[in-house]
Amino acid sequence: MLDRYTKYKALDIDSPDERILRITFNNPKTFNSLDKTGHCELTYIWREIDEDPNISAVILTGKGPAFSSGGDFGMIEDIIDDHKARARAWKEARDLVYNIINCSKPIVSAINGAAVGAGLVAGLLSDISIAGKSAKIVDGHTRLGVAAGDSAVINWPLLCGMAKAKYHLLLCEPMDGEEAERIGMVSLCVADAELQDKALEIARKLRNGAPGAIRWTKYALNNWLRTMGPTFDASLALEFLGFTGPDAKEGLAALREKRTP
């Protein structure tokens, strides 16, 4: 079942049970940050999964104390400095969102620890999102000096309402798992020790359900997200416009030096 996934090098792929695929961010030394290879693989693996007749459900999680800390500093620097890298990252950021939305197989995210950037995009766009109590969910775009474009415009106001979305996106205010469940950002919050077992339990239920009914229900519900496509495209364009300006350079320098920008 896993033969077609051997080409993925930055993501750990395994099968914890029959017809269930598990994707694990596995770079714990950097809190599971994504370099350009990892970002590309996370973007396009969903097309592979959609076409794979042997997969009925997917789990997405991170190894170690973090879910994913987003794009690494080297990738961000390339986006700031190089037009081709910026254009490539813009296309991948767009495709990541639409590929997850359009993937017919149900996706369960098990969000452990820090969740930022592209990893957070995939975690919150998953069909069932489960956070551990110690999860730390934060959209750090405005802290970096660019607009919140990854996926926030598509789903944050729908999940938690406009007032909460603006509070967390404009201020980069983090939320833990319990707060995320309270305001509707995630489906469930469980004790950290129960997170992986709960994700597998739900994935099994999805696998054992009527596949057509589950996939068509997902497709219909995701039309809410598709209707926000033009607004999302605008937010993503504004994010990448920001990468050409001075705020992003200062934001990256401040993150590297662990100081206030």
Protein backbone atom coordinates (compact mmCIF):
# COMPACT_ATOMS: atom_id res chain seq x y z
CA MET A 1 0.00 0.00 0.00
CA LEU A 2 2.88 2.35 0.74
CA ASP A 3 4.93 1.78 -2.40
CA ARG A 4 3.66 4.88 -4.16
CA TYR A 5 4.74 7.06 -1.20
CA THR A 6 8.42 6.08 -1.13
CA LYS A 7 9.29 9.18 -3.16
CA TYR A 8 8.33 11.43 -0.23
CA LYS A 9 11.50 12.14 1.74
CA ALA A 10 10.62 15.04 4.05
CA LEU A 11 7.45 13.43 5.42
CA ASP A 12 7.22 10.15 7.32
CA ILE A 13 4.53 7.95 5.78
CA ASP A 14 3.17 4.82 7.43
CA SER A 15 -0.06 2.86 7.85
CA PRO A 16 -1.20 2.34 11.45
CA ASP A 17 -4.12 0.20 10.30
CA GLU A 18 -5.71 -1.18 7.15
CA ARG A 19 -6.55 1.51 4.54
CA ILE A 20 -5.39 4.31 6.88
CA LEU A 21 -2.42 6.45 5.85
CA ARG A 22 -0.50 8.46 8.45
CA ILE A 23 1.62 11.47 7.53
CA THR A 24 4.05 12.63 10.23
CA PHE A 25 6.11 15.80 10.28
CA ASN A 26 9.45 14.43 11.44
CA ASN A 27 12.08 17.07 12.08
CA PRO A 28 11.78 17.45 15.86
CA LYS A 29 15.13 19.28 16.24
CA THR A 30 13.53 22.29 14.52
CA PHE A 31 10.01 21.64 15.87
CA ASN A 32 9.07 20.01 12.57
CA SER A 33 9.76 23.02 10.39
CA LEU A 34 9.37 22.60 6.63
CA ASP A 35 12.08 23.35 4.10
CA LYS A 36 11.20 23.86 0.45
CA THR A 37 11.16 20.10 -0.16
CA GLY A 38 8.84 19.46 2.76
CA HIS A 39 6.56 22.32 1.75
CA CYS A 40 6.32 20.92 -1.77
CA GLU A 41 5.62 17.38 -0.57
CA LEU A 42 2.94 18.54 1.86
CA THR A 43 1.31 20.48 -0.98
CA TYR A 44 1.05 17.68 -3.53
CA ILE A 45 0.68 14.48 -1.50
CA TRP A 46 -3.07 15.12 -1.27
CA ARG A 47 -3.46 14.57 -5.02
CA GLU A 48 -1.71 11.21 -4.62
CA ILE A 49 -3.98 10.27 -1.73
CA ASP A 50 -7.10 11.32 -3.62
CA GLU A 51 -6.20 8.95 -6.47
CA ASP A 52 -5.09 6.05 -4.24
CA PRO A 53 -7.82 3.35 -4.15
CA ASN A 54 -6.18 1.69 -1.14
CA ILE A 55 -6.65 4.68 1.19
CA SER A 56 -9.92 5.41 2.99
CA ALA A 57 -8.74 7.84 5.70
CA VAL A 58 -5.68 9.93 6.58
CA ILE A 59 -4.06 11.02 9.84
CA LEU A 60 -1.76 14.05 9.93
CA THR A 61 0.44 14.62 12.98
CA GLY A 62 3.90 15.67 14.17
CA LYS A 63 6.70 13.80 15.91
CA GLY A 64 8.04 15.02 19.23
CA PRO A 65 6.88 18.10 21.14
CA ALA A 66 5.54 20.04 18.13
CA PHE A 67 3.06 19.58 15.31
CA SER A 68 4.86 21.90 12.87
CA SER A 69 6.62 25.23 13.22
CA GLY A 70 5.95 26.19 9.59
CA GLY A 71 8.44 27.16 6.89
CA ASP A 72 12.06 27.28 8.03
CA PHE A 73 14.08 30.50 8.01
CA GLY A 74 16.01 29.51 4.90
CA MET A 75 12.83 29.06 2.92
CA ILE A 76 11.47 32.42 4.11
CA GLU A 77 14.74 34.14 3.23
CA ASP A 78 14.60 32.68 -0.29
CA ILE A 79 11.02 33.93 -0.69
CA ILE A 80 12.11 37.43 0.33
CA ASP A 81 15.24 37.54 -1.83
CA ASP A 82 14.43 35.55 -4.96
CA HIS A 83 11.55 36.14 -7.37
CA LYS A 84 11.50 32.55 -8.65
CA ALA A 85 11.41 31.15 -5.12
CA ARG A 86 8.62 33.59 -4.24
CA ALA A 87 6.56 32.61 -7.29
CA ARG A 88 7.06 28.91 -6.54
CA ALA A 89 6.06 29.31 -2.89
CA TRP A 90 2.98 31.34 -3.84
CA LYS A 91 1.81 28.57 -6.18
CA GLU A 92 2.44 25.90 -3.57
CA ALA A 93 0.64 27.89 -0.87
CA ARG A 94 -2.37 28.20 -3.17
CA ASP A 95 -2.27 24.57 -4.27
CA LEU A 96 -1.89 23.30 -0.70
CA VAL A 97 -5.21 24.81 0.32
CA TYR A 98 -7.13 23.69 -2.74
CA ASN A 99 -5.57 20.21 -2.78
CA ILE A 100 -6.67 19.55 0.81
CA ILE A 101 -10.15 20.95 0.15
CA ASN A 102 -10.49 18.81 -2.99
CA CYS A 103 -9.00 15.60 -1.57
CA SER A 104 -11.94 13.20 -1.40
CA LYS A 105 -10.52 11.11 1.45
CA PRO A 106 -11.40 12.24 5.00
CA ILE A 107 -8.44 13.72 6.89
CA VAL A 108 -7.93 13.67 10.67
CA SER A 109 -5.31 15.96 12.20
CA ALA A 110 -3.74 15.25 15.59
CA ILE A 111 -2.29 18.62 16.62
CA ASN A 112 0.41 18.21 19.26
CA GLY A 113 2.35 21.20 20.54
CA ALA A 114 3.19 24.22 18.39
CA ALA A 115 1.23 24.51 15.13
CA VAL A 116 2.21 27.30 12.72
CA GLY A 117 2.41 28.00 9.00
CA ALA A 118 1.76 25.38 6.32
CA GLY A 119 1.44 22.65 8.94
CA LEU A 120 -1.30 24.60 10.68
CA VAL A 121 -3.02 25.17 7.32
CA ALA A 122 -3.24 21.40 6.81
CA GLY A 123 -4.22 20.80 10.42
CA LEU A 124 -7.14 23.23 10.44
CA LEU A 125 -8.35 22.34 6.94
CA SER A 126 -8.54 18.68 7.96
CA ASP A 127 -12.06 17.32 8.19
CA ILE A 128 -11.71 16.32 11.85
CA SER A 129 -9.15 18.34 13.82
CA ILE A 130 -8.07 17.13 17.25
CA ALA A 131 -5.81 19.18 19.49
CA GLY A 132 -3.93 18.07 22.55
CA LYS A 133 -4.45 20.28 25.58
CA SER A 134 -0.91 21.63 25.32
CA ALA A 135 -1.24 22.51 21.64
CA LYS A 136 -0.15 26.06 20.76
CA ILE A 137 -1.98 27.27 17.68
CA VAL A 138 -0.82 30.61 16.30
CA ASP A 139 -0.87 32.39 12.96
CA GLY A 140 2.35 34.40 12.95
CA HIS A 141 2.07 36.21 9.64
CA THR A 142 1.65 39.75 10.92
CA ARG A 143 4.51 39.12 13.39
CA LEU A 144 6.65 38.27 10.36
CA GLY A 145 5.47 41.41 8.58
CA VAL A 146 3.15 39.97 5.92
CA ALA A 147 -0.61 39.59 5.57
CA ALA A 148 -2.27 36.45 6.94
CA GLY A 149 -2.73 34.72 3.61
CA ASP A 150 -2.05 30.99 4.07
CA SER A 151 -5.65 29.93 4.57
CA ALA A 152 -6.96 32.10 7.36
CA VAL A 153 -9.38 34.07 5.19
CA ILE A 154 -10.96 30.85 3.93
CA ASN A 155 -11.65 29.13 7.22
CA TRP A 156 -10.90 31.14 10.38
CA PRO A 157 -14.01 33.38 10.29
CA LEU A 158 -16.10 30.29 9.51
CA LEU A 159 -14.60 28.33 12.39
CA CYS A 160 -14.47 30.89 15.18
CA GLY A 161 -16.29 33.99 13.89
CA MET A 162 -14.94 37.26 12.53
CA ALA A 163 -14.29 38.93 15.89
CA LYS A 164 -12.12 36.07 17.20
CA ALA A 165 -10.45 35.62 13.81
CA LYS A 166 -9.38 39.27 13.72
CA TYR A 167 -8.19 39.16 17.34
CA HIS A 168 -5.92 36.17 16.77
CA LEU A 169 -4.77 37.05 13.24
CA LEU A 170 -4.03 40.75 13.75
CA LEU A 171 -2.29 40.24 17.12
CA CYS A 172 -0.75 36.80 16.51
CA GLU A 173 -2.31 35.71 19.80
CA PRO A 174 -1.77 31.98 20.43
CA MET A 175 -4.42 29.61 21.72
CA ASP A 176 -4.03 26.27 23.46
CA GLY A 177 -6.06 23.19 22.66
CA GLU A 178 -8.82 23.89 25.16
CA GLU A 179 -9.32 27.45 23.93
CA ALA A 180 -9.24 26.26 20.32
CA GLU A 181 -12.05 23.80 21.05
CA ARG A 182 -14.00 26.39 23.05
CA ILE A 183 -14.14 28.89 20.19
CA GLY A 184 -14.63 26.28 17.47
CA MET A 185 -11.19 26.27 15.82
CA VAL A 186 -10.85 22.49 16.25
CA SER A 187 -13.30 19.62 16.42
CA LEU A 188 -12.04 18.16 19.71
CA CYS A 189 -9.50 18.71 22.47
CA VAL A 190 -8.16 15.73 24.39
CA ALA A 191 -5.40 15.04 26.90
CA ASP A 192 -2.00 14.95 25.22
CA ALA A 193 -1.52 11.28 26.12
CA GLU A 194 -4.80 10.37 24.39
CA LEU A 195 -4.26 12.37 21.18
CA GLN A 196 -2.83 9.69 18.88
CA ASP A 197 -5.24 7.00 20.04
CA LYS A 198 -8.20 9.32 19.52
CA ALA A 199 -7.03 10.23 16.02
CA LEU A 200 -6.72 6.55 15.10
CA GLU A 201 -10.12 5.77 16.61
CA ILE A 202 -11.79 8.44 14.48
CA ALA A 203 -9.84 7.44 11.36
CA ARG A 204 -11.10 3.88 11.82
CA LYS A 205 -14.68 5.09 12.08
CA LEU A 206 -14.27 7.09 8.87
CA ARG A 207 -12.64 4.12 7.13
CA ASN A 208 -15.49 1.84 8.16
CA GLY A 209 -18.24 4.24 7.09
CA ALA A 210 -19.97 4.38 3.73
CA PRO A 211 -17.19 5.84 1.55
CA GLY A 212 -19.42 7.54 -1.01
CA ALA A 213 -21.63 9.15 1.61
CA ILE A 214 -18.64 10.44 3.61
CA ARG A 215 -16.73 11.74 0.60
CA TRP A 216 -19.75 13.40 -1.00
CA THR A 217 -20.71 15.02 2.31
CA LYS A 218 -17.17 16.38 2.59
CA TYR A 219 -17.33 17.66 -0.99
CA ALA A 220 -20.63 19.45 -0.40
CA LEU A 221 -19.55 21.00 2.91
CA ASN A 222 -16.30 22.21 1.39
CA ASN A 223 -18.27 24.34 -1.04
CA TRP A 224 -18.40 26.81 1.87
CA LEU A 225 -14.61 27.05 1.51
CA ARG A 226 -14.64 27.10 -2.29
CA THR A 227 -16.94 30.12 -2.31
CA MET A 228 -14.18 32.03 -0.50
CA GLY A 229 -11.67 31.24 -3.26
CA PRO A 230 -11.41 34.78 -4.72
CA THR A 231 -11.00 36.30 -1.25
CA PHE A 232 -8.35 33.72 -0.40
CA ASP A 233 -6.50 34.45 -3.64
CA ALA A 234 -6.45 38.14 -2.75
CA SER A 235 -5.11 37.46 0.75
CA LEU A 236 -2.38 35.21 -0.62
CA ALA A 237 -1.36 37.82 -3.20
CA LEU A 238 -1.15 40.45 -0.44
CA GLU A 239 0.92 38.10 1.72
CA PHE A 240 3.46 37.60 -1.06
CA LEU A 241 3.46 41.30 -1.91
CA GLY A 242 4.51 41.81 1.70
CA PHE A 243 7.52 39.55 1.21
CA THR A 244 8.93 42.13 -1.21
CA GLY A 245 8.90 44.92 1.39
CA PRO A 246 11.03 45.98 4.35
CA ASP A 247 8.68 44.69 7.08
CA ALA A 248 9.26 41.05 6.13
CA LYS A 249 13.04 41.47 6.20
CA GLU A 250 12.86 43.02 9.65
CA GLY A 251 10.36 40.42 10.82
CA LEU A 252 12.63 37.56 9.76
CA ALA A 253 15.67 39.22 11.36
CA ALA A 254 13.75 39.68 14.60
CA LEU A 255 12.67 36.03 14.64
CA ARG A 256 16.24 34.88 14.07
CA GLU A 257 17.57 37.18 16.79
CA LYS A 258 14.67 36.41 19.15
CA ARG A 259 13.83 40.07 19.67
CA THR A 260 10.93 42.42 19.14
CA PRO A 261 10.79 43.63 15.52
